[in-house]
Amino acid sequence: MTPATVLPRLDEGDPRGARLLADLASHTALLWSGSEVRVPVARMSDALAAALKSAYSANRVVRGMEGAEQTLAAEERGLRIADRQSAAPRGVRVSRLLILANDGAERFYRQVESLLRRHGPRVLAVRIAIDAETLGALLFGPGRRARLLMLEHKDAVAAVLLAMAGQWEDGEREP
């Protein structure tokens, strides 16, 4: 996360939104041992699991690195075309959320870092204290692994981020 990270518009009346950015920024870890990129680290909770299942049911989840790369590249092309046709500057705000399992190899996390650098402030990654087997089973059924999930709609992104809100209030620095 960078200091300039701007979260998606959250429900203005939701009290969880007020502290969310500060919590995400203060509970981070390096993406991999040689990285300069820090990502928020969270734990799986019932609320987070429910938000992920809801996003999946609404067809707002892209599974895996390859799917995320393809989707982001297509969106980037579309944004470039829209920018050329519009004289108005486009605001930059998080609109895609990568949910990462915590049992990936260094090579996997280097790929994630490359993706984050390429797609800048519109993509936020959060590492969840869960392995790929458990994360995959949550959405896709037993025996189905998922090391990376990408939420691709602002409403799903906001719902999942809000589901994480407040989990650090017990003084826990990292899961």
C-alpha atoms as a PDB file:
ATOM      1  CA  MET A   1       0.000   0.000   0.000  1.00  0.00           C
ATOM      2  CA  THR A   2       1.113   3.500  -0.691  1.00  0.00           C
ATOM      3  CA  PRO A   3       0.188   6.601   1.294  1.00  0.00           C
ATOM      4  CA  ALA A   4      -1.763   7.738  -1.777  1.00  0.00           C
ATOM      5  CA  THR A   5      -4.021   4.672  -1.807  1.00  0.00           C
ATOM      6  CA  VAL A   6      -7.645   5.709  -2.184  1.00  0.00           C
ATOM      7  CA  LEU A   7     -10.180   3.039  -1.304  1.00  0.00           C
ATOM      8  CA  PRO A   8     -13.408   2.581  -3.265  1.00  0.00           C
ATOM      9  CA  ARG A   9     -16.322   4.663  -2.112  1.00  0.00           C
ATOM     10  CA  LEU A  10     -17.650   2.880   0.928  1.00  0.00           C
ATOM     11  CA  ASP A  11     -21.086   3.216   2.416  1.00  0.00           C
ATOM     12  CA  GLU A  12     -20.820   6.681   3.928  1.00  0.00           C
ATOM     13  CA  GLY A  13     -22.948   5.705   6.916  1.00  0.00           C
ATOM     14  CA  ASP A  14     -20.950   2.598   7.752  1.00  0.00           C
ATOM     15  CA  PRO A  15     -18.852   3.241  10.867  1.00  0.00           C
ATOM     16  CA  ARG A  16     -16.308   0.569   9.835  1.00  0.00           C
ATOM     17  CA  GLY A  17     -15.150   2.624   6.871  1.00  0.00           C
ATOM     18  CA  ALA A  18     -13.639   5.401   8.955  1.00  0.00           C
ATOM     19  CA  ARG A  19     -10.685   3.382  10.306  1.00  0.00           C
ATOM     20  CA  LEU A  20     -10.305   0.890   7.477  1.00  0.00           C
ATOM     21  CA  LEU A  21      -7.575   2.673   5.499  1.00  0.00           C
ATOM     22  CA  ALA A  22      -5.502   3.318   8.618  1.00  0.00           C
ATOM     23  CA  ASP A  23      -5.871  -0.311   9.728  1.00  0.00           C
ATOM     24  CA  LEU A  24      -4.906  -1.658   6.307  1.00  0.00           C
ATOM     25  CA  ALA A  25      -1.885   0.660   6.182  1.00  0.00           C
ATOM     26  CA  SER A  26      -0.669  -0.226   9.678  1.00  0.00           C
ATOM     27  CA  HIS A  27      -1.007  -4.024   9.443  1.00  0.00           C
ATOM     28  CA  THR A  28       1.300  -4.854   6.561  1.00  0.00           C
ATOM     29  CA  ALA A  29       4.118  -7.204   5.685  1.00  0.00           C
ATOM     30  CA  LEU A  30       6.589  -7.393   2.828  1.00  0.00           C
ATOM     31  CA  LEU A  31       5.106  -9.265  -0.092  1.00  0.00           C
ATOM     32  CA  TRP A  32       8.181 -11.530  -0.196  1.00  0.00           C
ATOM     33  CA  SER A  33      11.577 -11.435   1.508  1.00  0.00           C
ATOM     34  CA  GLY A  34      13.323  -9.304  -1.140  1.00  0.00           C
ATOM     35  CA  SER A  35      10.377  -7.050  -1.876  1.00  0.00           C
ATOM     36  CA  GLU A  36       9.973  -3.352  -1.236  1.00  0.00           C
ATOM     37  CA  VAL A  37       6.197  -3.683  -1.538  1.00  0.00           C
ATOM     38  CA  ARG A  38       4.178  -4.046   1.639  1.00  0.00           C
ATOM     39  CA  VAL A  39       0.639  -5.441   1.578  1.00  0.00           C
ATOM     40  CA  PRO A  40      -2.024  -5.531   4.273  1.00  0.00           C
ATOM     41  CA  VAL A  41      -2.242  -8.804   6.185  1.00  0.00           C
ATOM     42  CA  ALA A  42      -5.580  -9.965   7.547  1.00  0.00           C
ATOM     43  CA  ARG A  43      -7.153 -13.097   8.938  1.00  0.00           C
ATOM     44  CA  MET A  44     -10.093 -15.028   7.593  1.00  0.00           C
ATOM     45  CA  SER A  45     -13.246 -14.324   9.546  1.00  0.00           C
ATOM     46  CA  ASP A  46     -16.845 -15.415   9.155  1.00  0.00           C
ATOM     47  CA  ALA A  47     -17.701 -11.957   7.796  1.00  0.00           C
ATOM     48  CA  LEU A  48     -14.864 -12.085   5.252  1.00  0.00           C
ATOM     49  CA  ALA A  49     -15.815 -15.610   4.154  1.00  0.00           C
ATOM     50  CA  ALA A  50     -19.431 -14.501   3.685  1.00  0.00           C
ATOM     51  CA  ALA A  51     -18.377 -11.436   1.659  1.00  0.00           C
ATOM     52  CA  LEU A  52     -16.152 -13.568  -0.586  1.00  0.00           C
ATOM     53  CA  LYS A  53     -18.954 -16.107  -1.120  1.00  0.00           C
ATOM     54  CA  SER A  54     -21.357 -13.286  -1.977  1.00  0.00           C
ATOM     55  CA  ALA A  55     -18.895 -11.829  -4.503  1.00  0.00           C
ATOM     56  CA  TYR A  56     -18.410 -15.273  -6.045  1.00  0.00           C
ATOM     57  CA  SER A  57     -22.192 -15.810  -6.290  1.00  0.00           C
ATOM     58  CA  ALA A  58     -22.469 -12.454  -8.076  1.00  0.00           C
ATOM     59  CA  ASN A  59     -19.776 -13.488 -10.611  1.00  0.00           C
ATOM     60  CA  ARG A  60     -17.372 -10.828  -9.300  1.00  0.00           C
ATOM     61  CA  VAL A  61     -14.397 -13.155  -8.642  1.00  0.00           C
ATOM     62  CA  VAL A  62     -11.573 -14.000 -11.048  1.00  0.00           C
ATOM     63  CA  ARG A  63      -9.564 -17.043  -9.978  1.00  0.00           C
ATOM     64  CA  GLY A  64      -5.797 -17.304 -10.350  1.00  0.00           C
ATOM     65  CA  MET A  65      -2.866 -15.228 -11.525  1.00  0.00           C
ATOM     66  CA  GLU A  66      -3.441 -15.822 -15.230  1.00  0.00           C
ATOM     67  CA  GLY A  67      -7.091 -14.804 -15.054  1.00  0.00           C
ATOM     68  CA  ALA A  68      -6.234 -11.666 -13.067  1.00  0.00           C
ATOM     69  CA  GLU A  69      -3.460 -10.700 -15.511  1.00  0.00           C
ATOM     70  CA  GLN A  70      -5.748 -11.138 -18.525  1.00  0.00           C
ATOM     71  CA  THR A  71      -8.623  -9.239 -16.951  1.00  0.00           C
ATOM     72  CA  LEU A  72      -6.433  -6.343 -15.799  1.00  0.00           C
ATOM     73  CA  ALA A  73      -4.705  -6.096 -19.199  1.00  0.00           C
ATOM     74  CA  ALA A  74      -8.063  -5.942 -21.004  1.00  0.00           C
ATOM     75  CA  GLU A  75      -9.328  -3.305 -18.581  1.00  0.00           C
ATOM     76  CA  GLU A  76      -6.120  -1.297 -19.012  1.00  0.00           C
ATOM     77  CA  ARG A  77      -6.621  -1.249 -22.779  1.00  0.00           C
ATOM     78  CA  GLY A  78     -10.198  -0.055 -22.290  1.00  0.00           C
ATOM     79  CA  LEU A  79      -9.114   2.651 -19.854  1.00  0.00           C
ATOM     80  CA  ARG A  80      -6.468   3.906 -22.291  1.00  0.00           C
ATOM     81  CA  ILE A  81      -9.076   4.172 -25.060  1.00  0.00           C
ATOM     82  CA  ALA A  82     -11.501   5.969 -22.749  1.00  0.00           C
ATOM     83  CA  ASP A  83      -8.747   8.358 -21.609  1.00  0.00           C
ATOM     84  CA  ARG A  84      -7.891   9.247 -25.216  1.00  0.00           C
ATOM     85  CA  GLN A  85     -11.554   9.987 -25.981  1.00  0.00           C
ATOM     86  CA  SER A  86     -12.201  12.011 -22.845  1.00  0.00           C
ATOM     87  CA  ALA A  87     -10.770  15.390 -21.965  1.00  0.00           C
ATOM     88  CA  ALA A  88     -11.652  14.968 -18.299  1.00  0.00           C
ATOM     89  CA  PRO A  89      -9.053  13.449 -15.982  1.00  0.00           C
ATOM     90  CA  ARG A  90      -9.980  10.103 -14.462  1.00  0.00           C
ATOM     91  CA  GLY A  91      -9.739   9.726 -10.726  1.00  0.00           C
ATOM     92  CA  VAL A  92      -7.587   6.889  -9.411  1.00  0.00           C
ATOM     93  CA  ARG A  93      -9.124   4.768  -6.719  1.00  0.00           C
ATOM     94  CA  VAL A  94      -8.868   1.086  -5.775  1.00  0.00           C
ATOM     95  CA  SER A  95     -11.322  -0.800  -7.963  1.00  0.00           C
ATOM     96  CA  ARG A  96      -9.793  -4.300  -7.926  1.00  0.00           C
ATOM     97  CA  LEU A  97      -8.784  -6.351  -4.905  1.00  0.00           C
ATOM     98  CA  LEU A  98      -6.382  -9.280  -4.914  1.00  0.00           C
ATOM     99  CA  ILE A  99      -6.922 -11.768  -2.099  1.00  0.00           C
ATOM    100  CA  LEU A 100      -3.743 -13.800  -1.607  1.00  0.00           C
ATOM    101  CA  ALA A 101      -3.291 -17.075   0.219  1.00  0.00           C
ATOM    102  CA  ASN A 102      -0.295 -17.057   2.545  1.00  0.00           C
ATOM    103  CA  ASP A 103       1.391 -20.261   1.342  1.00  0.00           C
ATOM    104  CA  GLY A 104       2.705 -19.146  -2.044  1.00  0.00           C
ATOM    105  CA  ALA A 105       6.262 -19.532  -3.250  1.00  0.00           C
ATOM    106  CA  GLU A 106       8.523 -16.504  -3.625  1.00  0.00           C
ATOM    107  CA  ARG A 107       8.091 -16.673  -7.407  1.00  0.00           C
ATOM    108  CA  PHE A 108       4.316 -16.328  -7.020  1.00  0.00           C
ATOM    109  CA  TYR A 109       4.657 -13.245  -4.803  1.00  0.00           C
ATOM    110  CA  ARG A 110       7.154 -11.700  -7.249  1.00  0.00           C
ATOM    111  CA  GLN A 111       4.498 -12.103  -9.960  1.00  0.00           C
ATOM    112  CA  VAL A 112       1.955 -10.421  -7.701  1.00  0.00           C
ATOM    113  CA  GLU A 113       4.396  -7.558  -7.120  1.00  0.00           C
ATOM    114  CA  SER A 114       4.848  -7.140 -10.861  1.00  0.00           C
ATOM    115  CA  LEU A 115       1.072  -7.045 -11.302  1.00  0.00           C
ATOM    116  CA  LEU A 116       0.733  -4.414  -8.572  1.00  0.00           C
ATOM    117  CA  ARG A 117       3.463  -2.252 -10.086  1.00  0.00           C
ATOM    118  CA  ARG A 118       1.967  -2.514 -13.575  1.00  0.00           C
ATOM    119  CA  HIS A 119      -1.604  -1.673 -12.573  1.00  0.00           C
ATOM    120  CA  GLY A 120      -0.801   0.895  -9.937  1.00  0.00           C
ATOM    121  CA  PRO A 121      -3.220   2.388  -7.503  1.00  0.00           C
ATOM    122  CA  ARG A 122      -6.365   0.775  -8.905  1.00  0.00           C
ATOM    123  CA  VAL A 123      -5.309  -2.663  -7.581  1.00  0.00           C
ATOM    124  CA  LEU A 124      -4.843  -3.487  -3.896  1.00  0.00           C
ATOM    125  CA  ALA A 125      -3.554  -6.831  -2.622  1.00  0.00           C
ATOM    126  CA  VAL A 126      -4.317  -8.266   0.818  1.00  0.00           C
ATOM    127  CA  ARG A 127      -2.645 -11.412   2.133  1.00  0.00           C
ATOM    128  CA  ILE A 128      -5.015 -13.535   4.167  1.00  0.00           C
ATOM    129  CA  ALA A 129      -3.828 -15.944   6.863  1.00  0.00           C
ATOM    130  CA  ILE A 130      -5.166 -18.952   4.975  1.00  0.00           C
ATOM    131  CA  ASP A 131      -3.643 -21.573   2.695  1.00  0.00           C
ATOM    132  CA  ALA A 132      -4.592 -22.054  -0.964  1.00  0.00           C
ATOM    133  CA  GLU A 133      -6.378 -25.326  -0.246  1.00  0.00           C
ATOM    134  CA  THR A 134      -8.689 -23.753   2.342  1.00  0.00           C
ATOM    135  CA  LEU A 135      -9.265 -20.589   0.295  1.00  0.00           C
ATOM    136  CA  GLY A 136     -10.128 -22.624  -2.788  1.00  0.00           C
ATOM    137  CA  ALA A 137     -12.476 -24.928  -0.869  1.00  0.00           C
ATOM    138  CA  LEU A 138     -14.316 -21.900   0.506  1.00  0.00           C
ATOM    139  CA  LEU A 139     -15.546 -20.872  -2.964  1.00  0.00           C
ATOM    140  CA  PHE A 140     -14.921 -23.732  -5.354  1.00  0.00           C
ATOM    141  CA  GLY A 141     -15.398 -26.864  -3.234  1.00  0.00           C
ATOM    142  CA  PRO A 142     -13.162 -29.459  -1.578  1.00  0.00           C
ATOM    143  CA  GLY A 143      -9.835 -30.165  -3.275  1.00  0.00           C
ATOM    144  CA  ARG A 144      -9.944 -26.935  -5.320  1.00  0.00           C
ATOM    145  CA  ARG A 145      -6.974 -24.645  -4.633  1.00  0.00           C
ATOM    146  CA  ALA A 146      -6.969 -20.859  -5.030  1.00  0.00           C
ATOM    147  CA  ARG A 147      -3.776 -18.970  -4.308  1.00  0.00           C
ATOM    148  CA  LEU A 148      -5.142 -15.690  -5.729  1.00  0.00           C
ATOM    149  CA  LEU A 149      -8.637 -14.310  -6.117  1.00  0.00           C
ATOM    150  CA  MET A 150      -9.357 -10.986  -7.769  1.00  0.00           C
ATOM    151  CA  LEU A 151     -12.540  -9.116  -6.992  1.00  0.00           C
ATOM    152  CA  GLU A 152     -13.466  -7.166 -10.073  1.00  0.00           C
ATOM    153  CA  HIS A 153     -16.331  -4.883  -9.140  1.00  0.00           C
ATOM    154  CA  LYS A 154     -16.240  -1.881  -6.831  1.00  0.00           C
ATOM    155  CA  ASP A 155     -19.247  -3.058  -4.804  1.00  0.00           C
ATOM    156  CA  ALA A 156     -17.638  -6.463  -4.185  1.00  0.00           C
ATOM    157  CA  VAL A 157     -14.311  -4.806  -3.359  1.00  0.00           C
ATOM    158  CA  ALA A 158     -15.984  -2.473  -0.870  1.00  0.00           C
ATOM    159  CA  ALA A 159     -17.972  -5.305   0.743  1.00  0.00           C
ATOM    160  CA  VAL A 160     -14.878  -7.473   1.219  1.00  0.00           C
ATOM    161  CA  LEU A 161     -12.823  -4.583   2.584  1.00  0.00           C
ATOM    162  CA  LEU A 162     -15.597  -3.685   5.026  1.00  0.00           C
ATOM    163  CA  ALA A 163     -15.764  -7.332   6.101  1.00  0.00           C
ATOM    164  CA  MET A 164     -12.111  -7.004   7.153  1.00  0.00           C
ATOM    165  CA  ALA A 165     -12.732  -3.772   9.058  1.00  0.00           C
ATOM    166  CA  GLY A 166     -12.343  -3.938  12.788  1.00  0.00           C
ATOM    167  CA  GLN A 167     -10.444  -7.216  12.953  1.00  0.00           C
ATOM    168  CA  TRP A 168      -7.327  -5.469  14.242  1.00  0.00           C
ATOM    169  CA  GLU A 169      -9.032  -3.682  17.107  1.00  0.00           C
ATOM    170  CA  ASP A 170      -7.985  -6.369  19.587  1.00  0.00           C
ATOM    171  CA  GLY A 171      -4.416  -5.037  19.393  1.00  0.00           C
ATOM    172  CA  GLU A 172      -3.164  -7.826  17.174  1.00  0.00           C
ATOM    173  CA  ARG A 173      -0.445  -6.530  14.837  1.00  0.00           C
ATOM    174  CA  GLU A 174      -0.376  -9.422  12.371  1.00  0.00           C
ATOM    175  CA  PRO A 175      -2.381 -12.617  12.069  1.00  0.00           C
END
